[in-house]
Amino acid sequence: MFKGKTVVITGGASGIGAAIARRFGSQGARIGILDFDKKSLDAIASDLTETEIEVCAHQCDVTNEAQCIKALKEVISRFGGVDVLVNNAGITQRSLFRDTTLQVIRKVMEVNFFGSINCTKAALESLIERKGMIIVITSIAGIAPLYGRTGYSASKHALHGFFESFRTELKDVGVHVMMVSPGFTQTNLQTRALDGTGKINLRPRSIPGTQMTPESVAKAVYKGACRKKRSIVLTIVGKISYFTIKFFSVFYERLMVRAVKKEFE
């Protein structure tokens, strides 16, 4: 289905983004990767090239609108357009709000929310021209509360609010939007989690349920994209959370706090 199509992935140099690049690339897609980490970017570009996947990699800070415009223009110039944009770049924060500076909250919002908006705006006309697809990697934290991660949860809720509204605007021009809500996944996202002061949080984190691998997330994303799903929720814990928060919100909050609160004690 995606053979010969151009798939652009933000935060594509490692973790879920790199796994998505490999999955779509293995099916014949041409891959555009945007990431701020030059070393990891060069490594994934080399890896994909060695497996005969066409790749166009660009160092890009998604919080910088000008860099996003430039990077997308270069991908479009190289491959002719964008068929799929995967908004995956993100950071997280683990700290109680009373111990967190507002600068940390703003930084998380800039990367997770505005980073997705910047790249979407830069790719939009090409996506419309090619009747493409926007895939947004959010989180269970975007549909349910999560203790000690107010900024992260807010950024993911914002993505749902924006892109589920934007989907209604795109319906008449043929652009599809798919929201993806993974649970806890084995990536370096958590090793870069910010504490309340903006430094790397070195404290152990709570992990309810079993972690997914980036490859299992990528497999689910590819399968959902082929079926043009509107939304996919991953992991058993994620599916239970999604159901419980809808119908038993107070009960869900008690269980979630019990599972996570000890991380901050």
C-alpha atoms as a PDB file:
ATOM      1  CA  MET A   1       0.000   0.000   0.000  1.00  0.00           C
ATOM      2  CA  PHE A   2       2.862   2.408   0.774  1.00  0.00           C
ATOM      3  CA  LYS A   3       5.326   1.280  -1.874  1.00  0.00           C
ATOM      4  CA  GLY A   4       6.771   4.343  -3.575  1.00  0.00           C
ATOM      5  CA  LYS A   5       5.073   6.685  -1.078  1.00  0.00           C
ATOM      6  CA  THR A   6       6.984   9.242   0.971  1.00  0.00           C
ATOM      7  CA  VAL A   7       6.689   8.868   4.742  1.00  0.00           C
ATOM      8  CA  VAL A   8       8.155  11.634   6.907  1.00  0.00           C
ATOM      9  CA  ILE A   9       8.797  10.866  10.572  1.00  0.00           C
ATOM     10  CA  THR A  10       9.697  13.425  13.212  1.00  0.00           C
ATOM     11  CA  GLY A  11      11.873  12.158  16.045  1.00  0.00           C
ATOM     12  CA  GLY A  12      12.708   9.382  13.616  1.00  0.00           C
ATOM     13  CA  ALA A  13      16.307   8.730  14.636  1.00  0.00           C
ATOM     14  CA  SER A  14      15.574   6.417  17.553  1.00  0.00           C
ATOM     15  CA  GLY A  15      12.900   4.559  19.491  1.00  0.00           C
ATOM     16  CA  ILE A  16       9.399   4.414  18.061  1.00  0.00           C
ATOM     17  CA  GLY A  17      10.275   6.803  15.225  1.00  0.00           C
ATOM     18  CA  ALA A  18      13.173   4.670  13.986  1.00  0.00           C
ATOM     19  CA  ALA A  19      11.049   1.521  14.230  1.00  0.00           C
ATOM     20  CA  ILE A  20       8.303   3.181  12.164  1.00  0.00           C
ATOM     21  CA  ALA A  21      10.899   4.234   9.586  1.00  0.00           C
ATOM     22  CA  ARG A  22      12.124   0.652   9.268  1.00  0.00           C
ATOM     23  CA  ARG A  23       8.598  -0.779   9.077  1.00  0.00           C
ATOM     24  CA  PHE A  24       7.363   1.547   6.325  1.00  0.00           C
ATOM     25  CA  GLY A  25      10.708   1.428   4.538  1.00  0.00           C
ATOM     26  CA  SER A  26      10.644  -2.372   4.468  1.00  0.00           C
ATOM     27  CA  GLN A  27       7.341  -2.107   2.603  1.00  0.00           C
ATOM     28  CA  GLY A  28       8.843   0.052  -0.140  1.00  0.00           C
ATOM     29  CA  ALA A  29       8.190   3.544   1.219  1.00  0.00           C
ATOM     30  CA  ARG A  30      10.712   6.355   0.811  1.00  0.00           C
ATOM     31  CA  ILE A  31      11.604   7.700   4.221  1.00  0.00           C
ATOM     32  CA  GLY A  32      12.154  11.263   5.386  1.00  0.00           C
ATOM     33  CA  ILE A  33      13.558  11.580   8.900  1.00  0.00           C
ATOM     34  CA  LEU A  34      13.629  14.733  11.008  1.00  0.00           C
ATOM     35  CA  ASP A  35      15.487  14.703  14.333  1.00  0.00           C
ATOM     36  CA  PHE A  36      17.589  17.065  16.432  1.00  0.00           C
ATOM     37  CA  ASP A  37      20.148  14.365  17.360  1.00  0.00           C
ATOM     38  CA  LYS A  38      22.743  14.452  14.552  1.00  0.00           C
ATOM     39  CA  LYS A  39      24.644  11.363  15.681  1.00  0.00           C
ATOM     40  CA  SER A  40      21.515   9.183  15.883  1.00  0.00           C
ATOM     41  CA  LEU A  41      20.221  10.708  12.649  1.00  0.00           C
ATOM     42  CA  ASP A  42      23.354   9.720  10.751  1.00  0.00           C
ATOM     43  CA  ALA A  43      23.216   6.226  12.242  1.00  0.00           C
ATOM     44  CA  ILE A  44      19.602   5.507  11.238  1.00  0.00           C
ATOM     45  CA  ALA A  45      20.146   7.014   7.780  1.00  0.00           C
ATOM     46  CA  SER A  46      23.122   4.702   7.251  1.00  0.00           C
ATOM     47  CA  ASP A  47      21.186   1.727   8.588  1.00  0.00           C
ATOM     48  CA  LEU A  48      18.231   2.329   6.260  1.00  0.00           C
ATOM     49  CA  THR A  49      20.478   2.926   3.258  1.00  0.00           C
ATOM     50  CA  GLU A  50      22.271  -0.361   3.868  1.00  0.00           C
ATOM     51  CA  THR A  51      18.927  -2.163   3.619  1.00  0.00           C
ATOM     52  CA  GLU A  52      18.241  -0.400   0.307  1.00  0.00           C
ATOM     53  CA  ILE A  53      15.616   1.947   1.720  1.00  0.00           C
ATOM     54  CA  GLU A  54      15.578   5.417   0.150  1.00  0.00           C
ATOM     55  CA  VAL A  55      16.095   7.931   2.930  1.00  0.00           C
ATOM     56  CA  CYS A  56      16.326  11.697   3.253  1.00  0.00           C
ATOM     57  CA  ALA A  57      17.498  12.715   6.742  1.00  0.00           C
ATOM     58  CA  HIS A  58      17.607  16.252   8.125  1.00  0.00           C
ATOM     59  CA  GLN A  59      18.622  17.640  11.480  1.00  0.00           C
ATOM     60  CA  CYS A  60      15.681  19.645  12.732  1.00  0.00           C
ATOM     61  CA  ASP A  61      14.438  21.129  15.995  1.00  0.00           C
ATOM     62  CA  VAL A  62      10.661  20.758  15.676  1.00  0.00           C
ATOM     63  CA  THR A  63      10.106  23.712  18.001  1.00  0.00           C
ATOM     64  CA  ASN A  64      11.713  25.943  15.370  1.00  0.00           C
ATOM     65  CA  GLU A  65       9.138  26.728  12.680  1.00  0.00           C
ATOM     66  CA  ALA A  66      11.738  27.895  10.161  1.00  0.00           C
ATOM     67  CA  GLN A  67      13.735  24.676  10.518  1.00  0.00           C
ATOM     68  CA  CYS A  68      10.580  22.609  10.020  1.00  0.00           C
ATOM     69  CA  ILE A  69       9.687  24.510   6.852  1.00  0.00           C
ATOM     70  CA  LYS A  70      13.213  24.116   5.503  1.00  0.00           C
ATOM     71  CA  ALA A  71      13.417  20.394   6.293  1.00  0.00           C
ATOM     72  CA  LEU A  72      10.033  19.611   4.737  1.00  0.00           C
ATOM     73  CA  LYS A  73      10.901  21.634   1.631  1.00  0.00           C
ATOM     74  CA  GLU A  74      14.076  19.604   1.227  1.00  0.00           C
ATOM     75  CA  VAL A  75      12.208  16.298   1.591  1.00  0.00           C
ATOM     76  CA  ILE A  76       9.582  17.444  -0.917  1.00  0.00           C
ATOM     77  CA  SER A  77      12.301  18.576  -3.319  1.00  0.00           C
ATOM     78  CA  ARG A  78      14.022  15.186  -3.031  1.00  0.00           C
ATOM     79  CA  PHE A  79      10.980  12.903  -3.211  1.00  0.00           C
ATOM     80  CA  GLY A  80       8.333  15.086  -4.875  1.00  0.00           C
ATOM     81  CA  GLY A  81       5.941  15.389  -1.970  1.00  0.00           C
ATOM     82  CA  VAL A  82       4.742  13.992   1.345  1.00  0.00           C
ATOM     83  CA  ASP A  83       2.206  11.167   1.496  1.00  0.00           C
ATOM     84  CA  VAL A  84       2.379  10.420   5.207  1.00  0.00           C
ATOM     85  CA  LEU A  85       3.523  12.656   8.061  1.00  0.00           C
ATOM     86  CA  VAL A  86       4.190  10.895  11.363  1.00  0.00           C
ATOM     87  CA  ASN A  87       4.289  13.399  14.222  1.00  0.00           C
ATOM     88  CA  ASN A  88       6.335  11.389  16.684  1.00  0.00           C
ATOM     89  CA  ALA A  89       8.945  13.743  18.193  1.00  0.00           C
ATOM     90  CA  GLY A  90       8.444  14.249  21.897  1.00  0.00           C
ATOM     91  CA  ILE A  91       9.822  14.628  25.395  1.00  0.00           C
ATOM     92  CA  THR A  92       8.365  13.824  28.782  1.00  0.00           C
ATOM     93  CA  GLN A  93       8.415  15.198  32.299  1.00  0.00           C
ATOM     94  CA  ARG A  94       8.151  13.417  35.653  1.00  0.00           C
ATOM     95  CA  SER A  95       7.567  15.755  38.582  1.00  0.00           C
ATOM     96  CA  LEU A  96       4.745  17.011  40.755  1.00  0.00           C
ATOM     97  CA  PHE A  97       3.331  20.295  39.475  1.00  0.00           C
ATOM     98  CA  ARG A  98       4.034  22.097  42.762  1.00  0.00           C
ATOM     99  CA  ASP A  99       7.729  21.233  42.254  1.00  0.00           C
ATOM    100  CA  THR A 100       7.811  22.112  38.549  1.00  0.00           C
ATOM    101  CA  THR A 101       8.760  25.412  36.955  1.00  0.00           C
ATOM    102  CA  LEU A 102       6.503  26.786  34.255  1.00  0.00           C
ATOM    103  CA  GLN A 103       9.469  26.780  31.878  1.00  0.00           C
ATOM    104  CA  VAL A 104       9.449  22.974  31.996  1.00  0.00           C
ATOM    105  CA  ILE A 105       5.743  22.848  31.159  1.00  0.00           C
ATOM    106  CA  ARG A 106       6.306  25.278  28.280  1.00  0.00           C
ATOM    107  CA  LYS A 107       9.203  23.220  26.930  1.00  0.00           C
ATOM    108  CA  VAL A 108       7.140  20.030  26.918  1.00  0.00           C
ATOM    109  CA  MET A 109       4.301  21.832  25.153  1.00  0.00           C
ATOM    110  CA  GLU A 110       6.690  23.363  22.608  1.00  0.00           C
ATOM    111  CA  VAL A 111       8.111  19.983  21.606  1.00  0.00           C
ATOM    112  CA  ASN A 112       5.095  17.699  21.883  1.00  0.00           C
ATOM    113  CA  PHE A 113       2.321  20.029  20.759  1.00  0.00           C
ATOM    114  CA  PHE A 114       3.768  22.933  18.782  1.00  0.00           C
ATOM    115  CA  GLY A 115       6.412  20.676  17.232  1.00  0.00           C
ATOM    116  CA  SER A 116       3.618  18.632  15.679  1.00  0.00           C
ATOM    117  CA  ILE A 117       1.791  21.765  14.579  1.00  0.00           C
ATOM    118  CA  ASN A 118       4.929  23.240  12.996  1.00  0.00           C
ATOM    119  CA  CYS A 119       5.620  20.128  10.922  1.00  0.00           C
ATOM    120  CA  THR A 120       1.990  19.644   9.972  1.00  0.00           C
ATOM    121  CA  LYS A 121       1.737  23.220   8.715  1.00  0.00           C
ATOM    122  CA  ALA A 122       4.947  22.808   6.704  1.00  0.00           C
ATOM    123  CA  ALA A 123       3.755  19.575   5.056  1.00  0.00           C
ATOM    124  CA  LEU A 124       0.055  20.440   4.733  1.00  0.00           C
ATOM    125  CA  GLU A 125      -0.220  21.606   1.123  1.00  0.00           C
ATOM    126  CA  SER A 126       1.690  18.572  -0.123  1.00  0.00           C
ATOM    127  CA  LEU A 127      -0.472  16.265   2.010  1.00  0.00           C
ATOM    128  CA  ILE A 128      -3.607  17.839   0.556  1.00  0.00           C
ATOM    129  CA  GLU A 129      -2.267  17.622  -2.990  1.00  0.00           C
ATOM    130  CA  ARG A 130      -1.481  13.918  -2.539  1.00  0.00           C
ATOM    131  CA  LYS A 131      -4.532  13.129  -0.369  1.00  0.00           C
ATOM    132  CA  GLY A 132      -2.181  11.854   2.269  1.00  0.00           C
ATOM    133  CA  MET A 133      -2.258  10.905   5.909  1.00  0.00           C
ATOM    134  CA  ILE A 134      -1.230  12.436   9.234  1.00  0.00           C
ATOM    135  CA  ILE A 135      -0.302   9.995  11.991  1.00  0.00           C
ATOM    136  CA  VAL A 136       0.000  11.434  15.483  1.00  0.00           C
ATOM    137  CA  ILE A 137       1.841   9.480  18.170  1.00  0.00           C
ATOM    138  CA  THR A 138       0.164  10.562  21.388  1.00  0.00           C
ATOM    139  CA  SER A 139      -0.165   8.484  24.569  1.00  0.00           C
ATOM    140  CA  ILE A 140      -2.616   6.911  26.966  1.00  0.00           C
ATOM    141  CA  ALA A 141      -1.792  10.071  28.945  1.00  0.00           C
ATOM    142  CA  GLY A 142      -3.598  11.974  26.194  1.00  0.00           C
ATOM    143  CA  ILE A 143      -6.926  10.322  26.990  1.00  0.00           C
ATOM    144  CA  ALA A 144      -6.567   9.675  30.707  1.00  0.00           C
ATOM    145  CA  PRO A 145      -4.941  11.484  33.666  1.00  0.00           C
ATOM    146  CA  LEU A 146      -1.434  10.482  34.751  1.00  0.00           C
ATOM    147  CA  TYR A 147      -0.022  11.332  38.175  1.00  0.00           C
ATOM    148  CA  GLY A 148       3.200  13.323  38.241  1.00  0.00           C
ATOM    149  CA  ARG A 149       3.160  14.131  34.539  1.00  0.00           C
ATOM    150  CA  THR A 150       0.844  17.119  34.244  1.00  0.00           C
ATOM    151  CA  GLY A 151       2.837  18.840  31.502  1.00  0.00           C
ATOM    152  CA  TYR A 152       3.266  15.686  29.441  1.00  0.00           C
ATOM    153  CA  SER A 153      -0.394  14.742  29.814  1.00  0.00           C
ATOM    154  CA  ALA A 154      -1.492  18.275  28.895  1.00  0.00           C
ATOM    155  CA  SER A 155       0.600  18.203  25.718  1.00  0.00           C
ATOM    156  CA  LYS A 156      -0.900  14.877  24.654  1.00  0.00           C
ATOM    157  CA  HIS A 157      -4.458  15.972  25.438  1.00  0.00           C
ATOM    158  CA  ALA A 158      -3.768  19.072  23.341  1.00  0.00           C
ATOM    159  CA  LEU A 159      -2.750  16.875  20.405  1.00  0.00           C
ATOM    160  CA  HIS A 160      -6.043  15.001  20.598  1.00  0.00           C
ATOM    161  CA  GLY A 161      -8.007  18.240  20.778  1.00  0.00           C
ATOM    162  CA  PHE A 162      -6.195  19.784  17.831  1.00  0.00           C
ATOM    163  CA  PHE A 163      -5.951  16.854  15.441  1.00  0.00           C
ATOM    164  CA  GLU A 164      -9.397  15.410  16.113  1.00  0.00           C
ATOM    165  CA  SER A 165     -10.802  18.859  15.347  1.00  0.00           C
ATOM    166  CA  PHE A 166      -8.469  19.280  12.371  1.00  0.00           C
ATOM    167  CA  ARG A 167      -9.673  15.929  11.023  1.00  0.00           C
ATOM    168  CA  THR A 168     -13.095  17.488  10.454  1.00  0.00           C
ATOM    169  CA  GLU A 169     -11.494  20.255   8.371  1.00  0.00           C
ATOM    170  CA  LEU A 170      -9.510  17.783   6.289  1.00  0.00           C
ATOM    171  CA  LYS A 171     -12.350  15.408   5.491  1.00  0.00           C
ATOM    172  CA  ASP A 172     -13.410  17.244   2.347  1.00  0.00           C
ATOM    173  CA  VAL A 173      -9.858  17.396   0.947  1.00  0.00           C
ATOM    174  CA  GLY A 174      -9.123  13.705   1.417  1.00  0.00           C
ATOM    175  CA  VAL A 175      -6.437  13.816   4.128  1.00  0.00           C
ATOM    176  CA  HIS A 176      -6.769  11.128   6.785  1.00  0.00           C
ATOM    177  CA  VAL A 177      -5.792  11.557  10.453  1.00  0.00           C
ATOM    178  CA  MET A 178      -4.918   8.634  12.718  1.00  0.00           C
ATOM    179  CA  MET A 179      -4.267   9.046  16.440  1.00  0.00           C
ATOM    180  CA  VAL A 180      -1.999   6.443  18.060  1.00  0.00           C
ATOM    181  CA  SER A 181      -1.963   6.015  21.842  1.00  0.00           C
ATOM    182  CA  PRO A 182       0.845   3.701  22.995  1.00  0.00           C
ATOM    183  CA  GLY A 183       1.324   2.725  26.613  1.00  0.00           C
ATOM    184  CA  PHE A 184       4.726   2.544  28.311  1.00  0.00           C
ATOM    185  CA  THR A 185       7.315   1.679  25.661  1.00  0.00           C
ATOM    186  CA  GLN A 186      10.999   0.707  25.897  1.00  0.00           C
ATOM    187  CA  THR A 187      12.650   3.810  24.423  1.00  0.00           C
ATOM    188  CA  ASN A 188      15.155   6.454  25.478  1.00  0.00           C
ATOM    189  CA  LEU A 189      12.279   8.908  26.008  1.00  0.00           C
ATOM    190  CA  GLN A 190      12.246   8.097  29.717  1.00  0.00           C
ATOM    191  CA  THR A 191      16.016   8.391  30.080  1.00  0.00           C
ATOM    192  CA  ARG A 192      15.594  11.984  28.893  1.00  0.00           C
ATOM    193  CA  ALA A 193      12.583  12.747  31.101  1.00  0.00           C
ATOM    194  CA  LEU A 194      12.768  16.177  32.719  1.00  0.00           C
ATOM    195  CA  ASP A 195      12.382  16.802  36.413  1.00  0.00           C
ATOM    196  CA  GLY A 196      10.694  19.888  37.818  1.00  0.00           C
ATOM    197  CA  THR A 197      13.761  22.062  37.266  1.00  0.00           C
ATOM    198  CA  GLY A 198      14.368  20.991  33.666  1.00  0.00           C
ATOM    199  CA  LYS A 199      17.228  18.595  34.448  1.00  0.00           C
ATOM    200  CA  ILE A 200      17.190  14.901  33.538  1.00  0.00           C
ATOM    201  CA  ASN A 201      15.130  12.944  36.084  1.00  0.00           C
ATOM    202  CA  LEU A 202      17.292  10.097  37.366  1.00  0.00           C
ATOM    203  CA  ARG A 203      14.727   8.609  39.762  1.00  0.00           C
ATOM    204  CA  PRO A 204      13.292   5.171  38.900  1.00  0.00           C
ATOM    205  CA  ARG A 205       9.872   5.334  37.276  1.00  0.00           C
ATOM    206  CA  SER A 206       6.746   3.276  37.838  1.00  0.00           C
ATOM    207  CA  ILE A 207       5.718   1.009  34.962  1.00  0.00           C
ATOM    208  CA  PRO A 208       2.165  -0.330  35.261  1.00  0.00           C
ATOM    209  CA  GLY A 209       1.777  -3.462  33.130  1.00  0.00           C
ATOM    210  CA  THR A 210       4.184  -4.731  30.483  1.00  0.00           C
ATOM    211  CA  GLN A 211       6.197  -2.356  28.308  1.00  0.00           C
ATOM    212  CA  MET A 212       5.831  -2.459  24.543  1.00  0.00           C
ATOM    213  CA  THR A 213       8.809  -2.535  22.202  1.00  0.00           C
ATOM    214  CA  PRO A 214       9.256   0.157  19.532  1.00  0.00           C
ATOM    215  CA  GLU A 215       8.900  -2.583  16.911  1.00  0.00           C
ATOM    216  CA  SER A 216       5.521  -3.700  18.238  1.00  0.00           C
ATOM    217  CA  VAL A 217       4.297  -0.103  18.215  1.00  0.00           C
ATOM    218  CA  ALA A 218       5.550   0.341  14.629  1.00  0.00           C
ATOM    219  CA  LYS A 219       3.802  -2.855  13.538  1.00  0.00           C
ATOM    220  CA  ALA A 220       0.511  -1.601  15.007  1.00  0.00           C
ATOM    221  CA  VAL A 221       0.988   1.830  13.397  1.00  0.00           C
ATOM    222  CA  TYR A 222       1.601   0.309   9.970  1.00  0.00           C
ATOM    223  CA  LYS A 223      -1.377  -2.024  10.284  1.00  0.00           C
ATOM    224  CA  GLY A 224      -3.616   0.858  11.411  1.00  0.00           C
ATOM    225  CA  ALA A 225      -2.401   3.077   8.559  1.00  0.00           C
ATOM    226  CA  CYS A 226      -3.171   0.368   6.000  1.00  0.00           C
ATOM    227  CA  ARG A 227      -6.701   0.140   7.375  1.00  0.00           C
ATOM    228  CA  LYS A 228      -7.024   3.933   7.698  1.00  0.00           C
ATOM    229  CA  LYS A 229      -8.032   3.677  11.333  1.00  0.00           C
ATOM    230  CA  ARG A 230      -9.070   6.875  13.060  1.00  0.00           C
ATOM    231  CA  SER A 231      -7.556   5.878  16.377  1.00  0.00           C
ATOM    232  CA  ILE A 232      -5.655   2.978  17.893  1.00  0.00           C
ATOM    233  CA  VAL A 233      -5.033   2.350  21.586  1.00  0.00           C
ATOM    234  CA  LEU A 234      -2.188  -0.053  22.385  1.00  0.00           C
ATOM    235  CA  THR A 235      -1.454  -2.488  25.265  1.00  0.00           C
ATOM    236  CA  ILE A 236      -3.923  -4.246  27.524  1.00  0.00           C
ATOM    237  CA  VAL A 237      -3.390  -1.632  30.234  1.00  0.00           C
ATOM    238  CA  GLY A 238      -4.040   1.089  27.662  1.00  0.00           C
ATOM    239  CA  LYS A 239      -7.275  -0.460  26.456  1.00  0.00           C
ATOM    240  CA  ILE A 240      -8.470  -0.997  30.037  1.00  0.00           C
ATOM    241  CA  SER A 241      -7.533   2.591  30.880  1.00  0.00           C
ATOM    242  CA  TYR A 242      -9.413   3.908  27.849  1.00  0.00           C
ATOM    243  CA  PHE A 243     -12.552   1.993  28.791  1.00  0.00           C
ATOM    244  CA  THR A 244     -12.339   2.685  32.523  1.00  0.00           C
ATOM    245  CA  ILE A 245     -11.782   6.445  32.239  1.00  0.00           C
ATOM    246  CA  LYS A 246     -14.867   6.718  30.048  1.00  0.00           C
ATOM    247  CA  PHE A 247     -17.212   4.928  32.405  1.00  0.00           C
ATOM    248  CA  PHE A 248     -15.536   4.718  35.812  1.00  0.00           C
ATOM    249  CA  SER A 249     -13.330   7.808  36.034  1.00  0.00           C
ATOM    250  CA  VAL A 250     -13.107   8.009  39.849  1.00  0.00           C
ATOM    251  CA  PHE A 251     -12.231   4.313  40.078  1.00  0.00           C
ATOM    252  CA  TYR A 252      -9.595   4.738  37.372  1.00  0.00           C
ATOM    253  CA  GLU A 253      -7.974   7.681  39.130  1.00  0.00           C
ATOM    254  CA  ARG A 254      -7.686   5.708  42.374  1.00  0.00           C
ATOM    255  CA  LEU A 255      -6.025   2.764  40.646  1.00  0.00           C
ATOM    256  CA  MET A 256      -3.677   4.957  38.628  1.00  0.00           C
ATOM    257  CA  VAL A 257      -2.563   7.017  41.639  1.00  0.00           C
ATOM    258  CA  ARG A 258      -1.998   3.851  43.669  1.00  0.00           C
ATOM    259  CA  ALA A 259       0.235   2.463  40.898  1.00  0.00           C
ATOM    260  CA  VAL A 260       2.276   5.612  40.261  1.00  0.00           C
ATOM    261  CA  LYS A 261       2.270   7.814  43.373  1.00  0.00           C
ATOM    262  CA  LYS A 262       5.033   5.862  45.156  1.00  0.00           C
ATOM    263  CA  GLU A 263       7.430   7.093  42.456  1.00  0.00           C
ATOM    264  CA  PHE A 264       7.245  10.571  44.013  1.00  0.00           C
ATOM    265  CA  GLU A 265       7.301   9.692  47.689  1.00  0.00           C
END
